Amino acid sequence: MTQIAIYQYQDGSIDVRMERETVWVSLLQMSELFGRDKSVVSRHLRNVFAEGELSRESVVAKFATTADDGKTYQVDHYNLDVIISIGYRVKSLEGVRFRQWSSRILKDYLTRGYALDRRRLETNATELEAALKLVRAALKSPELTAQASQGLAEIIVRYTQTFLWLQRYDEGLLTDPKGHSGSGLPSLDEALAGIAQLKTDLMAKGQASDLFGRVREDGLASILGNLDQTVFGEPAYPTLESRAAHLLYFVVKNHPFSDGNKRIGALLFAGFLHRNGRLFQADGSAIVNDVGLAALSLLVAESRPTDKDVLIRLIMNMLAGEAA
């Protein structure tokens, strides 16, 4: 992650980038720092590379820079090895001061970064362990079938892959993923119509009784209203992933129906993703297939209230994919 430090010298200051365990400045900044014309610094740069003192590939990087005209350009930046080399060649006392400053600021930067990374790794490991505990508890459920076991395995593998991907990019699972935009909640009438059709199909197969899908008071209306609410003018559930995860959780755990809450929760969850164009991935495969969806509903049902936050983040990170 790029950070900016300000180096102040007698005639001014420059914004120095810190990334990849070193500092970076542009040709213009080196010219200002050493008090030499750009053409002089450019000549020395060519000689540094031509003489094999440094390899250009390892000490030069392009960074986006906003010019005076307001446009953004990709500009070559040079790391500390180059800056020191040019400082010796132009015999600049300021180059010596800059090297001393850089060493001090980098030591502090790397020390803080190491401590932060270590805390993040420990926190993420705890988060992953909590998710695994949820799965282990669900595996003891008498409702668990062989297919559901396969679905649970798929869920935790995908979650673990997400965990490792996020860790590689120096992110943390304890923060919600960036997510996708989209609201697309069904109206109460639309949801009830979908549930009625599901009930008809299941009863025809002998897989549901007349109690299936009977609404308890205003339970479903309250859930949909809750998901659509705002706090200080901002959506309480701002991303598609957040709404989907909470929709499944609330339907399964709040029991708004006399019977069939897990299957109805799965139906509304999949329907919500489909309405928002997120049921399928770019390659045409389902974000969560039928077996995985049944297992996920069971995982929610078997979870304790204290597991809610972990479970919600698990679902959100699974759904977020590249937007995480």
Protein backbone atom coordinates (compact mmCIF):
# COMPACT_ATOMS: atom_id res chain seq x y z
CA MET A 1 0.00 0.00 0.00
CA THR A 2 1.40 3.40 -1.03
CA GLN A 3 2.03 6.01 1.65
CA ILE A 4 3.29 9.55 1.19
CA ALA A 5 5.95 11.24 3.35
CA ILE A 6 7.02 14.86 2.95
CA TYR A 7 10.74 15.56 2.76
CA GLN A 8 11.59 19.18 3.56
CA TYR A 9 14.87 20.75 2.47
CA GLN A 10 16.27 24.24 2.40
CA ASP A 11 14.64 25.33 -0.84
CA GLY A 12 11.30 23.55 -0.53
CA SER A 13 9.76 20.10 -0.09
CA ILE A 14 8.77 17.05 -2.13
CA ASP A 15 6.13 14.36 -1.64
CA VAL A 16 7.93 11.02 -1.43
CA ARG A 17 6.14 7.73 -2.14
CA MET A 18 6.83 4.77 0.14
CA GLU A 19 6.08 1.40 -1.38
CA ARG A 20 7.73 -2.02 -1.75
CA GLU A 21 10.00 -1.27 1.22
CA THR A 22 11.69 1.71 -0.42
CA VAL A 23 11.05 5.33 -1.41
CA TRP A 24 10.26 6.65 -4.91
CA VAL A 25 10.65 10.06 -6.58
CA SER A 26 10.21 11.28 -10.14
CA LEU A 27 12.83 12.81 -12.42
CA LEU A 28 11.41 16.28 -11.75
CA GLN A 29 11.57 15.70 -7.99
CA MET A 30 15.21 14.55 -8.19
CA SER A 31 16.01 17.65 -10.22
CA GLU A 32 14.46 19.85 -7.54
CA LEU A 33 16.08 17.90 -4.70
CA PHE A 34 19.62 18.10 -6.11
CA GLY A 35 19.27 21.59 -7.57
CA ARG A 36 20.28 20.38 -11.04
CA ASP A 37 18.61 20.78 -14.41
CA LYS A 38 16.47 17.84 -15.56
CA SER A 39 18.78 17.26 -18.51
CA VAL A 40 21.74 16.81 -16.14
CA VAL A 41 19.87 14.29 -13.99
CA SER A 42 18.64 12.49 -17.12
CA ARG A 43 22.21 12.14 -18.40
CA HIS A 44 23.34 10.64 -15.11
CA LEU A 45 20.37 8.26 -15.16
CA ARG A 46 21.32 7.00 -18.60
CA ASN A 47 24.89 6.43 -17.44
CA VAL A 48 23.77 4.55 -14.31
CA PHE A 49 21.89 2.05 -16.46
CA ALA A 50 24.35 1.97 -19.36
CA GLU A 51 27.27 1.18 -17.04
CA GLY A 52 25.30 -1.63 -15.37
CA GLU A 53 25.45 -0.02 -11.94
CA LEU A 54 21.74 -0.68 -11.51
CA SER A 55 19.15 -2.68 -13.45
CA ARG A 56 16.37 -0.44 -14.71
CA GLU A 57 13.71 -3.15 -14.29
CA SER A 58 14.26 -3.39 -10.54
CA VAL A 59 14.60 0.29 -9.63
CA VAL A 60 12.05 2.07 -11.87
CA ALA A 61 8.26 1.98 -11.50
CA LYS A 62 5.39 3.91 -13.03
CA PHE A 63 2.94 5.73 -10.75
CA ALA A 64 -0.13 7.76 -11.61
CA THR A 65 0.63 11.47 -11.27
CA THR A 66 -1.74 14.42 -11.70
CA ALA A 67 -0.21 17.16 -13.84
CA ASP A 68 -0.85 20.91 -13.72
CA ASP A 69 -3.46 20.51 -16.48
CA GLY A 70 -5.51 18.27 -14.18
CA LYS A 71 -4.89 15.13 -16.23
CA THR A 72 -3.40 11.96 -14.78
CA TYR A 73 -0.31 10.43 -16.39
CA GLN A 74 1.83 7.36 -15.69
CA VAL A 75 5.23 8.78 -14.73
CA ASP A 76 8.54 6.97 -14.13
CA HIS A 77 9.67 7.03 -10.50
CA TYR A 78 13.08 5.96 -9.18
CA ASN A 79 13.80 4.19 -5.92
CA LEU A 80 16.31 4.99 -3.17
CA ASP A 81 19.17 3.10 -4.87
CA VAL A 82 18.88 5.39 -7.89
CA ILE A 83 18.54 8.51 -5.75
CA ILE A 84 21.73 7.66 -3.82
CA SER A 85 23.62 6.90 -7.05
CA ILE A 86 22.60 10.20 -8.65
CA GLY A 87 23.38 12.05 -5.42
CA TYR A 88 26.98 10.77 -5.53
CA ARG A 89 27.35 11.67 -9.20
CA VAL A 90 26.17 15.26 -8.79
CA LYS A 91 28.10 15.54 -5.48
CA SER A 92 25.02 16.78 -3.64
CA LEU A 93 25.10 17.26 0.12
CA GLU A 94 21.31 17.24 -0.03
CA GLY A 95 21.53 13.72 -1.40
CA VAL A 96 23.34 12.61 1.76
CA ARG A 97 20.69 14.25 3.94
CA PHE A 98 17.92 12.63 1.91
CA ARG A 99 19.53 9.19 2.29
CA GLN A 100 19.71 9.67 6.07
CA TRP A 101 16.11 10.85 6.20
CA SER A 102 14.94 7.96 4.01
CA SER A 103 16.67 5.36 6.16
CA ARG A 104 15.02 6.76 9.27
CA ILE A 105 11.53 7.09 7.76
CA LEU A 106 11.67 3.66 6.11
CA LYS A 107 12.70 1.97 9.36
CA ASP A 108 9.68 3.47 11.08
CA TYR A 109 7.40 2.63 8.13
CA LEU A 110 8.54 -0.99 7.94
CA THR A 111 8.38 -1.50 11.70
CA ARG A 112 4.81 -0.22 11.86
CA GLY A 113 3.90 -2.23 8.77
CA TYR A 114 5.25 -5.44 10.26
CA ALA A 115 3.33 -4.92 13.47
CA LEU A 116 0.14 -4.15 11.54
CA ASP A 117 0.53 -7.19 9.27
CA ARG A 118 1.15 -9.44 12.26
CA ARG A 119 -1.99 -8.20 14.03
CA ARG A 120 -4.02 -8.59 10.83
CA LEU A 121 -2.78 -12.14 10.29
CA GLU A 122 -3.63 -13.12 13.85
CA THR A 123 -7.07 -11.52 13.56
CA ASN A 124 -7.81 -13.19 10.24
CA ALA A 125 -6.71 -16.56 11.58
CA THR A 126 -9.18 -16.13 14.43
CA GLU A 127 -11.89 -15.21 11.94
CA LEU A 128 -11.21 -18.28 9.81
CA GLU A 129 -11.21 -20.51 12.89
CA ALA A 130 -14.62 -19.12 13.88
CA ALA A 131 -16.01 -19.95 10.43
CA LEU A 132 -14.64 -23.48 10.64
CA LYS A 133 -16.29 -23.94 14.04
CA LEU A 134 -19.64 -23.04 12.48
CA VAL A 135 -19.19 -25.73 9.85
CA ARG A 136 -18.10 -28.33 12.41
CA ALA A 137 -21.24 -27.61 14.45
CA ALA A 138 -23.46 -27.93 11.37
CA LEU A 139 -21.88 -31.29 10.53
CA LYS A 140 -23.44 -32.69 13.71
CA SER A 141 -26.96 -31.79 12.60
CA PRO A 142 -29.37 -34.73 12.18
CA GLU A 143 -30.71 -32.99 9.05
CA LEU A 144 -27.35 -33.30 7.31
CA THR A 145 -27.37 -35.43 4.16
CA ALA A 146 -24.44 -36.54 2.02
CA GLN A 147 -25.24 -33.81 -0.49
CA ALA A 148 -25.42 -31.17 2.22
CA SER A 149 -22.03 -32.33 3.52
CA GLN A 150 -20.63 -31.81 0.04
CA GLY A 151 -22.18 -28.34 -0.02
CA LEU A 152 -20.62 -27.42 3.31
CA ALA A 153 -17.23 -28.54 2.03
CA GLU A 154 -17.66 -26.35 -1.05
CA ILE A 155 -18.65 -23.36 1.09
CA ILE A 156 -15.65 -23.58 3.40
CA VAL A 157 -13.23 -24.19 0.50
CA ARG A 158 -14.52 -21.09 -1.26
CA TYR A 159 -14.38 -19.10 1.97
CA THR A 160 -10.82 -20.25 2.63
CA GLN A 161 -9.80 -19.26 -0.90
CA THR A 162 -11.35 -15.84 -0.31
CA PHE A 163 -9.49 -15.57 3.00
CA LEU A 164 -6.14 -16.35 1.35
CA TRP A 165 -6.84 -14.03 -1.57
CA LEU A 166 -7.66 -11.17 0.76
CA GLN A 167 -4.62 -11.87 2.91
CA ARG A 168 -2.40 -11.78 -0.18
CA TYR A 169 -3.68 -8.30 -0.93
CA ASP A 170 -3.16 -7.15 2.63
CA GLU A 171 -6.84 -6.92 3.48
CA GLY A 172 -8.79 -8.24 6.42
CA LEU A 173 -11.90 -10.37 6.66
CA LEU A 174 -13.06 -8.44 9.71
CA THR A 175 -13.95 -5.55 7.43
CA ASP A 176 -16.86 -6.01 5.06
CA PRO A 177 -15.92 -6.55 1.40
CA LYS A 178 -16.31 -3.70 -1.03
CA GLY A 179 -19.27 -5.45 -2.61
CA HIS A 180 -21.51 -4.61 -5.56
CA SER A 181 -24.21 -2.01 -5.89
CA GLY A 182 -27.83 -3.02 -6.35
CA SER A 183 -31.03 -3.08 -4.36
CA GLY A 184 -33.63 -5.07 -6.30
CA LEU A 185 -35.58 -6.35 -3.29
CA PRO A 186 -38.86 -8.03 -4.28
CA SER A 187 -42.10 -6.45 -3.18
CA LEU A 188 -44.10 -8.37 -0.59
CA ASP A 189 -46.57 -9.51 -3.27
CA GLU A 190 -43.77 -10.69 -5.56
CA ALA A 191 -42.12 -12.64 -2.74
CA LEU A 192 -45.39 -14.27 -1.71
CA ALA A 193 -46.17 -15.22 -5.30
CA GLY A 194 -42.78 -16.93 -5.64
CA ILE A 195 -43.31 -18.78 -2.36
CA ALA A 196 -46.79 -19.89 -3.43
CA GLN A 197 -45.36 -21.33 -6.65
CA LEU A 198 -42.63 -23.14 -4.70
CA LYS A 199 -45.28 -24.56 -2.35
CA THR A 200 -47.34 -25.84 -5.27
CA ASP A 201 -44.31 -27.53 -6.84
CA LEU A 202 -43.21 -29.13 -3.56
CA MET A 203 -46.70 -30.36 -2.62
CA ALA A 204 -47.03 -31.93 -6.06
CA LYS A 205 -43.87 -33.92 -5.30
CA GLY A 206 -45.03 -34.77 -1.79
CA GLN A 207 -42.21 -32.71 -0.28
CA ALA A 208 -44.30 -30.15 1.64
CA SER A 209 -47.51 -29.92 3.66
CA ASP A 210 -50.18 -27.25 3.67
CA LEU A 211 -48.32 -25.52 6.53
CA PHE A 212 -45.45 -24.71 4.18
CA GLY A 213 -45.14 -20.98 3.50
CA ARG A 214 -47.93 -19.85 5.85
CA VAL A 215 -46.96 -16.34 6.95
CA ARG A 216 -46.79 -15.58 10.65
CA GLU A 217 -48.29 -12.13 11.17
CA ASP A 218 -46.19 -9.54 9.30
CA GLY A 219 -42.86 -11.38 9.62
CA LEU A 220 -41.86 -11.30 5.95
CA ALA A 221 -43.03 -7.70 5.45
CA SER A 222 -40.94 -6.65 8.45
CA ILE A 223 -37.84 -8.36 7.05
CA LEU A 224 -38.18 -6.71 3.63
CA GLY A 225 -38.87 -3.36 5.25
CA ASN A 226 -35.87 -3.72 7.53
CA LEU A 227 -33.57 -4.47 4.59
CA ASP A 228 -34.83 -1.37 2.77
CA GLN A 229 -34.42 1.06 5.66
CA THR A 230 -31.97 3.97 5.81
CA VAL A 231 -29.89 5.42 8.64
CA PHE A 232 -29.23 9.16 8.47
CA GLY A 233 -30.16 9.10 4.80
CA GLU A 234 -27.83 6.19 3.93
CA PRO A 235 -28.91 2.57 3.29
CA ALA A 236 -28.57 0.44 6.41
CA TYR A 237 -27.48 -2.44 4.13
CA PRO A 238 -25.57 -0.61 1.38
CA THR A 239 -24.30 -3.46 -0.80
CA LEU A 240 -25.95 -6.29 -2.66
CA GLU A 241 -23.88 -8.78 -0.64
CA SER A 242 -25.00 -7.26 2.65
CA ARG A 243 -28.67 -7.40 1.70
CA ALA A 244 -28.45 -10.94 0.35
CA ALA A 245 -26.66 -12.27 3.45
CA HIS A 246 -29.09 -10.60 5.84
CA LEU A 247 -32.12 -11.67 3.79
CA LEU A 248 -31.12 -15.32 4.08
CA TYR A 249 -30.20 -14.97 7.75
CA PHE A 250 -33.40 -13.17 8.79
CA VAL A 251 -35.75 -15.54 6.96
CA VAL A 252 -34.04 -18.68 8.30
CA LYS A 253 -33.51 -17.46 11.87
CA ASN A 254 -36.60 -15.28 12.48
CA HIS A 255 -39.06 -17.98 11.33
CA PRO A 256 -41.56 -15.72 9.55
CA PHE A 257 -43.36 -18.85 8.23
CA SER A 258 -45.03 -21.76 9.99
CA ASP A 259 -42.93 -24.21 7.98
CA GLY A 260 -40.25 -24.16 5.29
CA ASN A 261 -38.14 -21.22 6.49
CA LYS A 262 -34.83 -22.67 5.25
CA ARG A 263 -36.13 -23.50 1.79
CA ILE A 264 -37.96 -20.18 1.50
CA GLY A 265 -34.87 -18.32 2.68
CA ALA A 266 -32.83 -20.08 -0.01
CA LEU A 267 -35.49 -19.21 -2.62
CA LEU A 268 -35.55 -15.51 -1.73
CA PHE A 269 -31.75 -15.38 -1.47
CA ALA A 270 -31.25 -16.90 -4.94
CA GLY A 271 -34.08 -14.79 -6.38
CA PHE A 272 -32.54 -11.59 -5.00
CA LEU A 273 -29.15 -12.43 -6.54
CA HIS A 274 -30.82 -13.21 -9.87
CA ARG A 275 -32.77 -9.91 -9.89
CA ASN A 276 -29.47 -8.09 -9.47
CA GLY A 277 -27.49 -10.10 -12.03
CA ARG A 278 -25.27 -11.82 -9.45
CA LEU A 279 -26.60 -15.38 -9.38
CA PHE A 280 -24.11 -16.45 -12.04
CA GLN A 281 -20.41 -15.72 -12.49
CA ALA A 282 -18.82 -14.49 -15.71
CA ASP A 283 -18.16 -18.06 -16.87
CA GLY A 284 -21.83 -18.99 -16.44
CA SER A 285 -21.40 -21.04 -13.27
CA ALA A 286 -23.65 -20.33 -10.29
CA ILE A 287 -22.29 -18.25 -7.42
CA VAL A 288 -23.86 -20.85 -5.12
CA ASN A 289 -25.32 -24.05 -6.64
CA ASP A 290 -28.38 -25.90 -5.33
CA VAL A 291 -26.38 -28.17 -3.04
CA GLY A 292 -24.30 -25.28 -1.71
CA LEU A 293 -27.42 -23.20 -1.15
CA ALA A 294 -29.12 -25.95 0.85
CA ALA A 295 -25.96 -26.37 2.93
CA LEU A 296 -25.66 -22.64 3.48
CA SER A 297 -29.28 -22.47 4.71
CA LEU A 298 -28.58 -25.33 7.10
CA LEU A 299 -25.42 -23.59 8.31
CA VAL A 300 -27.47 -20.50 9.14
CA ALA A 301 -30.16 -22.57 10.86
CA GLU A 302 -27.65 -24.41 13.03
CA SER A 303 -25.70 -21.29 14.03
CA ARG A 304 -26.00 -19.59 17.40
CA PRO A 305 -27.08 -15.93 17.70
CA THR A 306 -23.53 -15.08 18.81
CA ASP A 307 -22.24 -16.41 15.47
CA LYS A 308 -24.28 -13.94 13.42
CA ASP A 309 -21.51 -11.47 12.57
CA VAL A 310 -19.08 -14.20 11.51
CA LEU A 311 -21.76 -15.93 9.42
CA ILE A 312 -22.85 -12.72 7.70
CA ARG A 313 -19.26 -11.86 6.77
CA LEU A 314 -18.68 -15.41 5.54
CA ILE A 315 -21.65 -15.12 3.15
CA MET A 316 -20.74 -11.59 2.05
CA ASN A 317 -17.13 -12.49 1.25
CA MET A 318 -18.25 -15.57 -0.67
CA LEU A 319 -20.59 -13.47 -2.80
CA ALA A 320 -18.32 -10.47 -3.29
CA GLY A 321 -15.67 -12.27 -5.33
CA GLU A 322 -13.42 -9.78 -7.21
CA ALA A 323 -15.24 -6.79 -5.74
CA ALA A 324 -13.66 -7.73 -2.30
